Amino acid sequence: MYWAFLDRRFERLSKIDRVGPAILSARNRSDAQRQRDANVLARVRERLAVGDALEASIAADPTVVSKKAVGRRKAK
């Protein structure tokens, strides 16, 4: 999500000197890495929109669902 943030805010952040190294690193990421970053952000937003709990594995694997989230879904 960090890299997706830097990519989305490139224009604004590139004007801030102390953020320069991070912006440069973000610009040097491959298209595949940027796409993966965007996919992670989309999955996290989807989960949060429906009230799912997040775990690190959710961002890495879209098929993973938190046990808490599953319990909450059944209760609805």
N, C-alpha and C. Protein backbone atom coordinates (compact mmCIF):
# COMPACT_ATOMS: atom_id res chain seq x y z
N MET A 1 0.83 -1.18 0.00
CA MET A 1 0.00 0.00 0.00
C MET A 1 0.88 1.25 0.00
N TYR A 2 2.04 1.15 0.59
CA TYR A 2 2.98 2.28 0.62
C TYR A 2 3.33 2.72 -0.79
N TRP A 3 3.69 1.75 -1.63
CA TRP A 3 4.11 2.08 -2.98
C TRP A 3 2.95 2.63 -3.80
N ALA A 4 1.76 2.09 -3.61
CA ALA A 4 0.59 2.60 -4.32
C ALA A 4 0.30 4.04 -3.90
N PHE A 5 0.49 4.34 -2.62
CA PHE A 5 0.31 5.71 -2.13
C PHE A 5 1.29 6.66 -2.82
N LEU A 6 2.57 6.26 -2.85
CA LEU A 6 3.57 7.11 -3.49
C LEU A 6 3.26 7.31 -4.97
N ASP A 7 2.79 6.26 -5.62
CA ASP A 7 2.48 6.36 -7.04
C ASP A 7 1.29 7.30 -7.28
N ARG A 8 0.25 7.18 -6.44
CA ARG A 8 -0.93 8.04 -6.59
C ARG A 8 -0.64 9.49 -6.29
N ARG A 9 0.29 9.75 -5.39
CA ARG A 9 0.58 11.11 -4.93
C ARG A 9 1.89 11.66 -5.49
N PHE A 10 2.35 11.08 -6.59
CA PHE A 10 3.65 11.43 -7.14
C PHE A 10 3.81 12.93 -7.35
N GLU A 11 2.88 13.56 -8.02
CA GLU A 11 3.00 14.99 -8.35
C GLU A 11 3.19 15.84 -7.10
N ARG A 12 2.38 15.60 -6.11
CA ARG A 12 2.45 16.40 -4.88
C ARG A 12 3.72 16.10 -4.08
N LEU A 13 4.03 14.83 -3.93
CA LEU A 13 5.18 14.45 -3.11
C LEU A 13 6.51 14.77 -3.76
N SER A 14 6.56 14.80 -5.08
CA SER A 14 7.82 15.06 -5.75
C SER A 14 8.32 16.48 -5.51
N LYS A 15 7.48 17.34 -5.00
CA LYS A 15 7.87 18.72 -4.70
C LYS A 15 8.49 18.86 -3.31
N ILE A 16 8.46 17.79 -2.54
CA ILE A 16 8.99 17.80 -1.18
C ILE A 16 10.37 17.12 -1.19
N ASP A 17 11.41 17.89 -0.91
CA ASP A 17 12.78 17.38 -1.01
C ASP A 17 13.04 16.13 -0.18
N ARG A 18 12.57 16.10 1.04
CA ARG A 18 12.90 14.97 1.92
C ARG A 18 12.22 13.66 1.50
N VAL A 19 11.26 13.74 0.60
CA VAL A 19 10.58 12.55 0.11
C VAL A 19 11.20 12.06 -1.20
N GLY A 20 12.15 12.81 -1.70
CA GLY A 20 12.78 12.49 -2.98
C GLY A 20 13.26 11.06 -3.14
N PRO A 21 14.02 10.52 -2.18
CA PRO A 21 14.50 9.14 -2.33
C PRO A 21 13.36 8.12 -2.44
N ALA A 22 12.31 8.30 -1.67
CA ALA A 22 11.18 7.38 -1.75
C ALA A 22 10.48 7.49 -3.10
N ILE A 23 10.33 8.71 -3.58
CA ILE A 23 9.69 8.93 -4.88
C ILE A 23 10.53 8.30 -5.99
N LEU A 24 11.83 8.46 -5.90
CA LEU A 24 12.72 7.87 -6.90
C LEU A 24 12.60 6.35 -6.89
N SER A 25 12.56 5.77 -5.71
CA SER A 25 12.40 4.31 -5.60
C SER A 25 11.07 3.87 -6.20
N ALA A 26 10.02 4.63 -5.93
CA ALA A 26 8.70 4.29 -6.48
C ALA A 26 8.72 4.36 -8.00
N ARG A 27 9.38 5.34 -8.55
CA ARG A 27 9.45 5.50 -10.01
C ARG A 27 10.27 4.38 -10.65
N ASN A 28 11.18 3.80 -9.91
CA ASN A 28 12.04 2.74 -10.45
C ASN A 28 11.41 1.35 -10.39
N ARG A 29 10.23 1.25 -9.80
CA ARG A 29 9.55 -0.06 -9.72
C ARG A 29 9.03 -0.45 -11.11
N SER A 30 9.04 -1.72 -11.38
CA SER A 30 8.60 -2.22 -12.69
C SER A 30 7.08 -2.08 -12.82
N ASP A 31 6.60 -2.19 -14.04
CA ASP A 31 5.15 -2.14 -14.27
C ASP A 31 4.45 -3.28 -13.54
N ALA A 32 5.08 -4.45 -13.50
CA ALA A 32 4.48 -5.59 -12.81
C ALA A 32 4.37 -5.32 -11.31
N GLN A 33 5.40 -4.71 -10.74
CA GLN A 33 5.35 -4.37 -9.31
C GLN A 33 4.27 -3.33 -9.04
N ARG A 34 4.16 -2.34 -9.89
CA ARG A 34 3.13 -1.31 -9.72
C ARG A 34 1.73 -1.91 -9.84
N GLN A 35 1.56 -2.84 -10.76
CA GLN A 35 0.25 -3.49 -10.91
C GLN A 35 -0.08 -4.31 -9.67
N ARG A 36 0.92 -5.02 -9.14
CA ARG A 36 0.72 -5.79 -7.92
C ARG A 36 0.36 -4.87 -6.76
N ASP A 37 1.02 -3.71 -6.66
CA ASP A 37 0.70 -2.73 -5.62
C ASP A 37 -0.75 -2.25 -5.74
N ALA A 38 -1.17 -1.97 -6.96
CA ALA A 38 -2.54 -1.50 -7.19
C ALA A 38 -3.55 -2.60 -6.84
N ASN A 39 -3.21 -3.85 -7.14
CA ASN A 39 -4.10 -4.97 -6.81
C ASN A 39 -4.25 -5.14 -5.30
N VAL A 40 -3.14 -5.01 -4.58
CA VAL A 40 -3.19 -5.11 -3.12
C VAL A 40 -4.08 -4.01 -2.56
N LEU A 41 -3.89 -2.80 -3.02
CA LEU A 41 -4.71 -1.68 -2.55
C LEU A 41 -6.19 -1.93 -2.84
N ALA A 42 -6.51 -2.43 -4.02
CA ALA A 42 -7.90 -2.71 -4.38
C ALA A 42 -8.50 -3.77 -3.46
N ARG A 43 -7.73 -4.85 -3.18
CA ARG A 43 -8.24 -5.90 -2.28
C ARG A 43 -8.47 -5.37 -0.88
N VAL A 44 -7.56 -4.56 -0.38
CA VAL A 44 -7.70 -4.00 0.96
C VAL A 44 -8.93 -3.10 1.02
N ARG A 45 -9.09 -2.24 0.01
CA ARG A 45 -10.27 -1.37 -0.02
C ARG A 45 -11.57 -2.16 -0.06
N GLU A 46 -11.60 -3.23 -0.87
CA GLU A 46 -12.79 -4.08 -0.95
C GLU A 46 -13.13 -4.68 0.40
N ARG A 47 -12.11 -5.20 1.08
CA ARG A 47 -12.33 -5.82 2.40
C ARG A 47 -12.83 -4.80 3.42
N LEU A 48 -12.22 -3.64 3.42
CA LEU A 48 -12.63 -2.61 4.37
C LEU A 48 -14.04 -2.11 4.07
N ALA A 49 -14.40 -2.04 2.81
CA ALA A 49 -15.73 -1.55 2.43
C ALA A 49 -16.86 -2.42 2.97
N VAL A 50 -16.59 -3.71 3.11
CA VAL A 50 -17.62 -4.62 3.64
C VAL A 50 -17.42 -4.93 5.12
N GLY A 51 -16.44 -4.27 5.74
CA GLY A 51 -16.23 -4.43 7.17
C GLY A 51 -15.38 -5.61 7.58
N ASP A 52 -14.65 -6.20 6.64
CA ASP A 52 -13.78 -7.32 6.98
C ASP A 52 -12.57 -6.84 7.77
N ALA A 53 -12.10 -7.70 8.67
CA ALA A 53 -10.85 -7.44 9.37
C ALA A 53 -9.70 -7.71 8.41
N LEU A 54 -8.62 -7.00 8.59
CA LEU A 54 -7.45 -7.19 7.74
C LEU A 54 -6.35 -7.93 8.47
N GLU A 55 -5.69 -8.79 7.74
CA GLU A 55 -4.49 -9.47 8.20
C GLU A 55 -3.48 -9.35 7.08
N ALA A 56 -2.22 -9.48 7.39
CA ALA A 56 -1.19 -9.33 6.37
C ALA A 56 -1.41 -10.29 5.20
N SER A 57 -1.91 -11.47 5.47
CA SER A 57 -2.11 -12.46 4.41
C SER A 57 -3.21 -12.04 3.43
N ILE A 58 -4.13 -11.20 3.85
CA ILE A 58 -5.21 -10.75 2.97
C ILE A 58 -4.63 -9.96 1.80
N ALA A 59 -3.68 -9.10 2.10
CA ALA A 59 -3.07 -8.31 1.04
C ALA A 59 -2.28 -9.19 0.09
N ALA A 60 -1.66 -10.22 0.61
CA ALA A 60 -0.82 -11.08 -0.22
C ALA A 60 -1.63 -12.08 -1.03
N ASP A 61 -2.74 -12.56 -0.48
CA ASP A 61 -3.53 -13.59 -1.15
C ASP A 61 -5.01 -13.23 -1.08
N PRO A 62 -5.64 -12.91 -2.19
CA PRO A 62 -7.03 -12.47 -2.18
C PRO A 62 -8.02 -13.54 -1.75
N THR A 63 -7.60 -14.80 -1.67
CA THR A 63 -8.52 -15.86 -1.27
C THR A 63 -8.59 -16.01 0.25
N VAL A 64 -7.69 -15.35 0.97
CA VAL A 64 -7.66 -15.46 2.42
C VAL A 64 -8.71 -14.54 3.03
N VAL A 65 -9.49 -15.07 3.94
CA VAL A 65 -10.48 -14.27 4.65
C VAL A 65 -10.24 -14.43 6.14
N SER A 66 -10.27 -13.34 6.85
CA SER A 66 -10.07 -13.37 8.29
C SER A 66 -11.13 -14.22 8.96
N LYS A 67 -10.74 -15.00 9.98
CA LYS A 67 -11.72 -15.79 10.74
C LYS A 67 -12.74 -14.88 11.40
N LYS A 68 -12.31 -13.72 11.87
CA LYS A 68 -13.24 -12.76 12.47
C LYS A 68 -14.25 -12.29 11.44
N ALA A 69 -13.80 -12.03 10.24
CA ALA A 69 -14.69 -11.55 9.19
C ALA A 69 -15.71 -12.62 8.82
N VAL A 70 -15.29 -13.88 8.77
CA VAL A 70 -16.21 -14.95 8.44
C VAL A 70 -17.29 -15.06 9.51
N GLY A 71 -16.89 -14.98 10.76
CA GLY A 71 -17.86 -15.03 11.86
C GLY A 71 -18.84 -13.88 11.79
N ARG A 72 -18.36 -12.71 11.45
CA ARG A 72 -19.23 -11.54 11.34
C ARG A 72 -20.22 -11.70 10.20
N ARG A 73 -19.79 -12.28 9.11
CA ARG A 73 -20.69 -12.47 7.97
C ARG A 73 -21.82 -13.40 8.32
N LYS A 74 -21.52 -14.46 9.06
CA LYS A 74 -22.56 -15.42 9.44
C LYS A 74 -23.57 -14.78 10.38
N ALA A 75 -23.11 -13.84 11.21
CA ALA A 75 -24.00 -13.22 12.18
C ALA A 75 -24.96 -12.23 11.53
N LYS A 76 -24.63 -11.74 10.37
CA LYS A 76 -25.48 -10.74 9.71
C LYS A 76 -26.78 -11.32 9.22
